[in-house]
Amino acid sequence: MITPEQRIIDIPFKVYHGCYLLYNEDELVYVGVSSNIAVRLWQHGTERAKKWTSVKYIEELDYTEAIKIENYLIEKYRPKYNSVCGKLKWEMVRLGEKFDIEKIHSPKGWR
């Protein structure tokens, strides 16, 4: 007889960092950033206000760069659950930098 311990399979568990995109059917409804996308999606699942059916993500380890990607996608697609420039402006103020949307509009190489 095979024991439960013998059935254990070693699988890698990856914590995804970066930008995630929530869709309701084919419509992009929310763009967010997280250092642990799986946990953040679980949190979104507990919010009844946001209805979404699928998720895609862009892996980015540099948090500031991920915020720029988030901002770029929010400006381009205007998802209904996002406020434009909210997190990017907050991060700039937190880091003591002047908020200049023209200067930091696009992530590296996205012009």
N, C-alpha and C. Protein backbone atom coordinates (compact mmCIF):
# COMPACT_ATOMS: atom_id res chain seq x y z
N MET A 1 0.84 -1.18 0.00
CA MET A 1 0.00 0.00 0.00
C MET A 1 0.89 1.25 0.00
N ILE A 2 0.50 2.24 -0.80
CA ILE A 2 1.24 3.50 -0.89
C ILE A 2 0.77 4.44 0.21
N THR A 3 1.74 5.01 0.93
CA THR A 3 1.40 5.94 2.02
C THR A 3 1.20 7.35 1.45
N PRO A 4 0.50 8.21 2.18
CA PRO A 4 0.34 9.60 1.72
C PRO A 4 1.68 10.30 1.51
N GLU A 5 2.66 9.98 2.36
CA GLU A 5 3.98 10.60 2.22
C GLU A 5 4.65 10.24 0.90
N GLN A 6 4.40 9.05 0.42
CA GLN A 6 4.98 8.62 -0.85
C GLN A 6 4.30 9.30 -2.05
N ARG A 7 3.16 9.84 -1.83
CA ARG A 7 2.42 10.52 -2.91
C ARG A 7 2.76 12.00 -3.02
N ILE A 8 3.56 12.52 -2.08
CA ILE A 8 3.90 13.94 -2.10
C ILE A 8 4.75 14.25 -3.32
N ILE A 9 4.35 15.26 -4.04
CA ILE A 9 5.10 15.71 -5.22
C ILE A 9 5.66 17.08 -4.91
N ASP A 10 6.93 17.26 -5.17
CA ASP A 10 7.59 18.54 -4.92
C ASP A 10 7.32 19.47 -6.10
N ILE A 11 6.50 20.49 -5.87
CA ILE A 11 6.21 21.45 -6.93
C ILE A 11 6.68 22.83 -6.50
N PRO A 12 7.19 23.61 -7.44
CA PRO A 12 7.64 24.95 -7.08
C PRO A 12 6.44 25.87 -6.86
N PHE A 13 6.52 26.65 -5.83
CA PHE A 13 5.49 27.67 -5.59
C PHE A 13 6.14 29.01 -5.82
N LYS A 14 5.64 29.73 -6.78
CA LYS A 14 6.24 31.00 -7.14
C LYS A 14 5.35 32.14 -6.68
N VAL A 15 5.96 33.11 -6.05
CA VAL A 15 5.25 34.32 -5.68
C VAL A 15 5.46 35.31 -6.82
N TYR A 16 4.39 35.66 -7.48
CA TYR A 16 4.48 36.57 -8.61
C TYR A 16 4.42 38.02 -8.15
N HIS A 17 5.35 38.82 -8.63
CA HIS A 17 5.42 40.26 -8.34
C HIS A 17 5.09 40.99 -9.63
N GLY A 18 4.40 42.10 -9.52
CA GLY A 18 4.19 42.91 -10.71
C GLY A 18 2.80 43.48 -10.82
N CYS A 19 2.38 43.59 -12.05
CA CYS A 19 1.12 44.23 -12.40
C CYS A 19 0.12 43.16 -12.81
N TYR A 20 -1.11 43.27 -12.33
CA TYR A 20 -2.13 42.31 -12.71
C TYR A 20 -3.32 43.03 -13.33
N LEU A 21 -4.01 42.33 -14.22
CA LEU A 21 -5.13 42.91 -14.96
C LEU A 21 -6.36 42.03 -14.74
N LEU A 22 -7.42 42.62 -14.24
CA LEU A 22 -8.67 41.89 -14.02
C LEU A 22 -9.63 42.16 -15.17
N TYR A 23 -10.24 41.10 -15.67
CA TYR A 23 -11.18 41.21 -16.79
C TYR A 23 -12.54 40.68 -16.37
N ASN A 24 -13.58 41.31 -16.88
CA ASN A 24 -14.92 40.78 -16.78
C ASN A 24 -15.32 40.45 -18.21
N GLU A 25 -15.35 39.16 -18.51
CA GLU A 25 -15.48 38.67 -19.88
C GLU A 25 -14.28 39.20 -20.67
N ASP A 26 -14.49 40.02 -21.69
CA ASP A 26 -13.38 40.56 -22.49
C ASP A 26 -13.01 41.99 -22.12
N GLU A 27 -13.69 42.56 -21.14
CA GLU A 27 -13.46 43.96 -20.77
C GLU A 27 -12.44 44.05 -19.63
N LEU A 28 -11.40 44.86 -19.82
CA LEU A 28 -10.44 45.13 -18.76
C LEU A 28 -11.13 46.06 -17.76
N VAL A 29 -11.27 45.60 -16.50
CA VAL A 29 -12.01 46.38 -15.52
C VAL A 29 -11.13 46.93 -14.39
N TYR A 30 -9.92 46.37 -14.23
CA TYR A 30 -9.06 46.85 -13.15
C TYR A 30 -7.62 46.48 -13.43
N VAL A 31 -6.71 47.40 -13.11
CA VAL A 31 -5.27 47.15 -13.19
C VAL A 31 -4.69 47.45 -11.81
N GLY A 32 -3.88 46.53 -11.30
CA GLY A 32 -3.29 46.73 -9.99
C GLY A 32 -1.85 46.28 -9.95
N VAL A 33 -1.21 46.53 -8.81
CA VAL A 33 0.19 46.17 -8.62
C VAL A 33 0.30 45.49 -7.26
N SER A 34 1.16 44.48 -7.17
CA SER A 34 1.32 43.79 -5.89
C SER A 34 2.66 43.07 -5.84
N SER A 35 3.18 42.92 -4.63
CA SER A 35 4.39 42.12 -4.46
C SER A 35 4.04 40.64 -4.28
N ASN A 36 2.75 40.34 -4.14
CA ASN A 36 2.28 38.96 -4.09
C ASN A 36 0.89 38.93 -4.74
N ILE A 37 0.88 38.68 -6.04
CA ILE A 37 -0.37 38.78 -6.81
C ILE A 37 -1.42 37.79 -6.32
N ALA A 38 -1.02 36.58 -5.94
CA ALA A 38 -1.99 35.59 -5.48
C ALA A 38 -2.75 36.07 -4.25
N VAL A 39 -2.04 36.64 -3.29
CA VAL A 39 -2.69 37.16 -2.09
C VAL A 39 -3.60 38.32 -2.43
N ARG A 40 -3.13 39.20 -3.30
CA ARG A 40 -3.95 40.37 -3.68
C ARG A 40 -5.21 39.94 -4.40
N LEU A 41 -5.13 38.93 -5.25
CA LEU A 41 -6.32 38.43 -5.94
C LEU A 41 -7.31 37.84 -4.96
N TRP A 42 -6.80 37.15 -3.94
CA TRP A 42 -7.69 36.62 -2.90
C TRP A 42 -8.43 37.77 -2.21
N GLN A 43 -7.69 38.87 -1.94
CA GLN A 43 -8.32 40.03 -1.32
C GLN A 43 -9.41 40.62 -2.24
N HIS A 44 -9.12 40.69 -3.52
CA HIS A 44 -10.13 41.18 -4.46
C HIS A 44 -11.35 40.27 -4.48
N GLY A 45 -11.12 38.98 -4.29
CA GLY A 45 -12.23 38.03 -4.28
C GLY A 45 -13.20 38.26 -3.13
N THR A 46 -12.71 38.88 -2.06
CA THR A 46 -13.57 39.17 -0.92
C THR A 46 -14.33 40.49 -1.09
N GLU A 47 -13.93 41.29 -2.09
CA GLU A 47 -14.61 42.56 -2.35
C GLU A 47 -15.76 42.30 -3.32
N ARG A 48 -16.93 42.57 -2.91
CA ARG A 48 -18.09 42.31 -3.76
C ARG A 48 -18.31 43.41 -4.81
N ALA A 49 -17.68 44.55 -4.64
CA ALA A 49 -17.90 45.67 -5.55
C ALA A 49 -17.28 45.45 -6.92
N LYS A 50 -16.18 44.68 -6.97
CA LYS A 50 -15.49 44.47 -8.24
C LYS A 50 -15.85 43.09 -8.79
N LYS A 51 -16.47 43.10 -9.97
CA LYS A 51 -16.83 41.84 -10.61
C LYS A 51 -15.80 41.55 -11.69
N TRP A 52 -15.12 40.38 -11.59
CA TRP A 52 -14.14 39.98 -12.59
C TRP A 52 -14.18 38.48 -12.79
N THR A 53 -13.85 38.06 -14.01
CA THR A 53 -13.94 36.64 -14.36
C THR A 53 -12.60 36.01 -14.70
N SER A 54 -11.60 36.83 -15.04
CA SER A 54 -10.28 36.27 -15.35
C SER A 54 -9.19 37.29 -15.03
N VAL A 55 -7.96 36.78 -14.99
CA VAL A 55 -6.83 37.64 -14.62
C VAL A 55 -5.63 37.33 -15.51
N LYS A 56 -4.86 38.37 -15.82
CA LYS A 56 -3.58 38.24 -16.52
C LYS A 56 -2.58 39.05 -15.72
N TYR A 57 -1.30 38.79 -15.93
CA TYR A 57 -0.32 39.56 -15.16
C TYR A 57 0.93 39.82 -15.98
N ILE A 58 1.66 40.84 -15.56
CA ILE A 58 2.97 41.18 -16.11
C ILE A 58 3.94 41.10 -14.94
N GLU A 59 4.89 40.17 -15.01
CA GLU A 59 5.83 40.04 -13.90
C GLU A 59 6.87 41.17 -13.98
N GLU A 60 7.05 41.87 -12.87
CA GLU A 60 8.03 42.96 -12.77
C GLU A 60 8.51 43.01 -11.33
N LEU A 61 9.80 42.76 -11.11
CA LEU A 61 10.34 42.72 -9.75
C LEU A 61 10.59 44.10 -9.18
N ASP A 62 10.83 45.09 -10.02
CA ASP A 62 11.06 46.46 -9.58
C ASP A 62 9.69 47.13 -9.32
N TYR A 63 9.39 47.41 -8.04
CA TYR A 63 8.07 47.93 -7.66
C TYR A 63 7.76 49.26 -8.33
N THR A 64 8.73 50.15 -8.40
CA THR A 64 8.51 51.44 -9.04
C THR A 64 8.19 51.25 -10.51
N GLU A 65 8.88 50.36 -11.15
CA GLU A 65 8.63 50.07 -12.56
C GLU A 65 7.24 49.45 -12.74
N ALA A 66 6.85 48.58 -11.80
CA ALA A 66 5.52 47.97 -11.86
C ALA A 66 4.43 49.03 -11.74
N ILE A 67 4.65 50.03 -10.90
CA ILE A 67 3.68 51.11 -10.75
C ILE A 67 3.59 51.92 -12.05
N LYS A 68 4.72 52.11 -12.71
CA LYS A 68 4.69 52.82 -13.99
C LYS A 68 3.92 52.03 -15.04
N ILE A 69 4.10 50.71 -15.03
CA ILE A 69 3.33 49.87 -15.96
C ILE A 69 1.85 49.98 -15.65
N GLU A 70 1.52 49.91 -14.37
CA GLU A 70 0.12 50.04 -13.95
C GLU A 70 -0.45 51.37 -14.44
N ASN A 71 0.28 52.45 -14.22
CA ASN A 71 -0.19 53.77 -14.64
C ASN A 71 -0.37 53.84 -16.15
N TYR A 72 0.58 53.29 -16.88
CA TYR A 72 0.52 53.28 -18.34
C TYR A 72 -0.77 52.59 -18.82
N LEU A 73 -1.05 51.41 -18.25
CA LEU A 73 -2.23 50.65 -18.65
C LEU A 73 -3.52 51.35 -18.23
N ILE A 74 -3.53 51.97 -17.05
CA ILE A 74 -4.72 52.69 -16.60
C ILE A 74 -5.00 53.87 -17.52
N GLU A 75 -3.96 54.62 -17.86
CA GLU A 75 -4.15 55.77 -18.75
C GLU A 75 -4.62 55.33 -20.13
N LYS A 76 -4.08 54.23 -20.62
CA LYS A 76 -4.42 53.78 -21.97
C LYS A 76 -5.82 53.19 -22.06
N TYR A 77 -6.21 52.35 -21.08
CA TYR A 77 -7.47 51.62 -21.17
C TYR A 77 -8.59 52.17 -20.28
N ARG A 78 -8.27 53.00 -19.32
CA ARG A 78 -9.28 53.59 -18.42
C ARG A 78 -10.25 52.56 -17.84
N PRO A 79 -9.73 51.53 -17.13
CA PRO A 79 -10.63 50.52 -16.54
C PRO A 79 -11.61 51.16 -15.56
N LYS A 80 -12.81 50.65 -15.53
CA LYS A 80 -13.87 51.31 -14.75
C LYS A 80 -13.65 51.29 -13.24
N TYR A 81 -12.86 50.37 -12.70
CA TYR A 81 -12.64 50.33 -11.26
C TYR A 81 -11.38 51.06 -10.80
N ASN A 82 -10.64 51.69 -11.72
CA ASN A 82 -9.41 52.40 -11.37
C ASN A 82 -9.62 53.91 -11.36
N SER A 83 -8.88 54.57 -10.46
CA SER A 83 -8.79 56.03 -10.53
C SER A 83 -7.46 56.33 -11.21
N VAL A 84 -7.44 57.23 -12.15
CA VAL A 84 -6.25 57.52 -12.93
C VAL A 84 -5.17 58.18 -12.08
N CYS A 85 -3.97 57.66 -12.15
CA CYS A 85 -2.76 58.21 -11.50
C CYS A 85 -2.76 58.14 -9.99
N GLY A 86 -3.73 57.52 -9.36
CA GLY A 86 -3.79 57.52 -7.90
C GLY A 86 -2.55 56.98 -7.22
N LYS A 87 -2.19 55.73 -7.47
CA LYS A 87 -1.07 55.10 -6.78
C LYS A 87 0.26 55.71 -7.21
N LEU A 88 0.39 56.03 -8.49
CA LEU A 88 1.64 56.60 -8.97
C LEU A 88 1.92 57.93 -8.29
N LYS A 89 0.93 58.77 -8.20
CA LYS A 89 1.09 60.07 -7.54
C LYS A 89 1.43 59.86 -6.07
N TRP A 90 0.73 58.95 -5.41
CA TRP A 90 0.98 58.68 -4.00
C TRP A 90 2.41 58.20 -3.79
N GLU A 91 2.89 57.31 -4.65
CA GLU A 91 4.26 56.80 -4.53
C GLU A 91 5.28 57.90 -4.74
N MET A 92 5.05 58.78 -5.68
CA MET A 92 5.99 59.87 -5.94
C MET A 92 6.08 60.77 -4.70
N VAL A 93 4.94 61.09 -4.12
CA VAL A 93 4.92 61.93 -2.92
C VAL A 93 5.62 61.20 -1.77
N ARG A 94 5.34 59.91 -1.62
CA ARG A 94 5.95 59.12 -0.54
C ARG A 94 7.47 59.09 -0.69
N LEU A 95 7.96 59.00 -1.90
CA LEU A 95 9.40 58.95 -2.13
C LEU A 95 10.04 60.34 -2.15
N GLY A 96 9.23 61.37 -1.95
CA GLY A 96 9.75 62.73 -1.91
C GLY A 96 10.10 63.30 -3.27
N GLU A 97 9.50 62.73 -4.32
CA GLU A 97 9.77 63.20 -5.66
C GLU A 97 8.61 64.07 -6.14
N LYS A 98 8.94 65.00 -7.03
CA LYS A 98 7.90 65.85 -7.61
C LYS A 98 7.08 65.00 -8.58
N PHE A 99 5.78 65.10 -8.47
CA PHE A 99 4.90 64.34 -9.36
C PHE A 99 4.87 65.03 -10.71
N ASP A 100 5.49 64.39 -11.70
CA ASP A 100 5.56 64.94 -13.05
C ASP A 100 5.16 63.84 -14.02
N ILE A 101 3.90 63.81 -14.42
CA ILE A 101 3.37 62.72 -15.23
C ILE A 101 4.07 62.62 -16.58
N GLU A 102 4.52 63.74 -17.15
CA GLU A 102 5.21 63.69 -18.43
C GLU A 102 6.56 63.00 -18.29
N LYS A 103 7.25 63.25 -17.21
CA LYS A 103 8.58 62.69 -16.98
C LYS A 103 8.53 61.18 -16.77
N ILE A 104 7.49 60.70 -16.08
CA ILE A 104 7.45 59.30 -15.69
C ILE A 104 6.30 58.55 -16.34
N HIS A 105 5.80 59.08 -17.43
CA HIS A 105 4.61 58.51 -18.07
C HIS A 105 4.75 57.02 -18.41
N SER A 106 5.82 56.63 -19.06
CA SER A 106 5.94 55.26 -19.55
C SER A 106 7.05 54.49 -18.85
N PRO A 107 6.84 53.18 -18.68
CA PRO A 107 7.90 52.34 -18.14
C PRO A 107 9.09 52.28 -19.11
N LYS A 108 10.20 51.75 -18.65
CA LYS A 108 11.40 51.63 -19.47
C LYS A 108 11.09 50.96 -20.80
N GLY A 109 11.46 51.63 -21.89
CA GLY A 109 11.31 51.06 -23.21
C GLY A 109 9.90 50.97 -23.76
N TRP A 110 8.94 51.65 -23.12
CA TRP A 110 7.54 51.55 -23.58
C TRP A 110 7.08 52.76 -24.38
N ARG A 111 7.99 53.62 -24.82
CA ARG A 111 7.60 54.81 -25.61
C ARG A 111 7.25 54.44 -27.01
